[in-house]
Amino acid sequence: MTRVVVFDYGTGNVHSAVKALELAGADVTLTSDRTIALEADGLVVPGVGAFSAVMQALTAVRGDEIVDRRLAGDRPVLGICVGMQVMFEHGVERGVDTEGLGEWPGTVTELPATILPHMGWNTVTSAAGSELFRGIEEERFYFVHSYAAQSWALEVMPPFPEPRLTWAEHGAPFLAAIENGPLCATQFHPEKSGEAGIRLLKNWIGTLRQ
């Protein structure tokens, strides 16, 4: 079976993520152990709450180094919710600018919506050729957030493939999912998105076997 680690750094819906990944067919370990996290076929970085709190907890257990080393070695990583947001350079919440992991350029900011948080089911516009959304392009997914990446600044030159960007809208368009080489992420919660979320995780696990 494909070995997946859900990175346990004290935040996120870790047990829900473990259960969903198991239903999707993975052999799942919940741990913050550096060696196990580096050697797994896939690493999942969940996250809930404030950008700054997630970054503080992640760096306290050297999660920033683990993510960076995996990606440098072309080893897959999946970020979920704030676990997606911290992949960007910065997050600004209530006037506080926090440095992120910097795997992608850009800043996560508050959605310009009259009702926040954006909570509940929403449709997405999946990227052409998406692996994550294969067969579930018309499904709805479950979101709980007030902040998001609302633009994309990374320029990729051949022979590297263009990132696949999936968008949703709440007050303004925002990035709902990204597929960029070994680094993928979703702003919504696959583990709370019912059968569609399980199928998305199954699609991601399928890419780990390639």
Foldseek 3Di string as FASTA:
>chain_A
DAEEEEEPLPFFPRVLVQVLLVVLPHDYDYYNDLVSLLPGLEYEYEHDDDLQVSQVSCVVSPVLVSVVVCVVVLRAYEYEASRVQLCEQWEADPNDIDGGSHVFYDYKYFAQAPDPDPFAKFAKQWFPPDLLCVPPNGAIFTAHGGIATQDGDDDDDPPADDKIFMWTDHNHIGTQWIDGRRYIYGNTDLSPGPPSSSSSSSSVSVVSVD
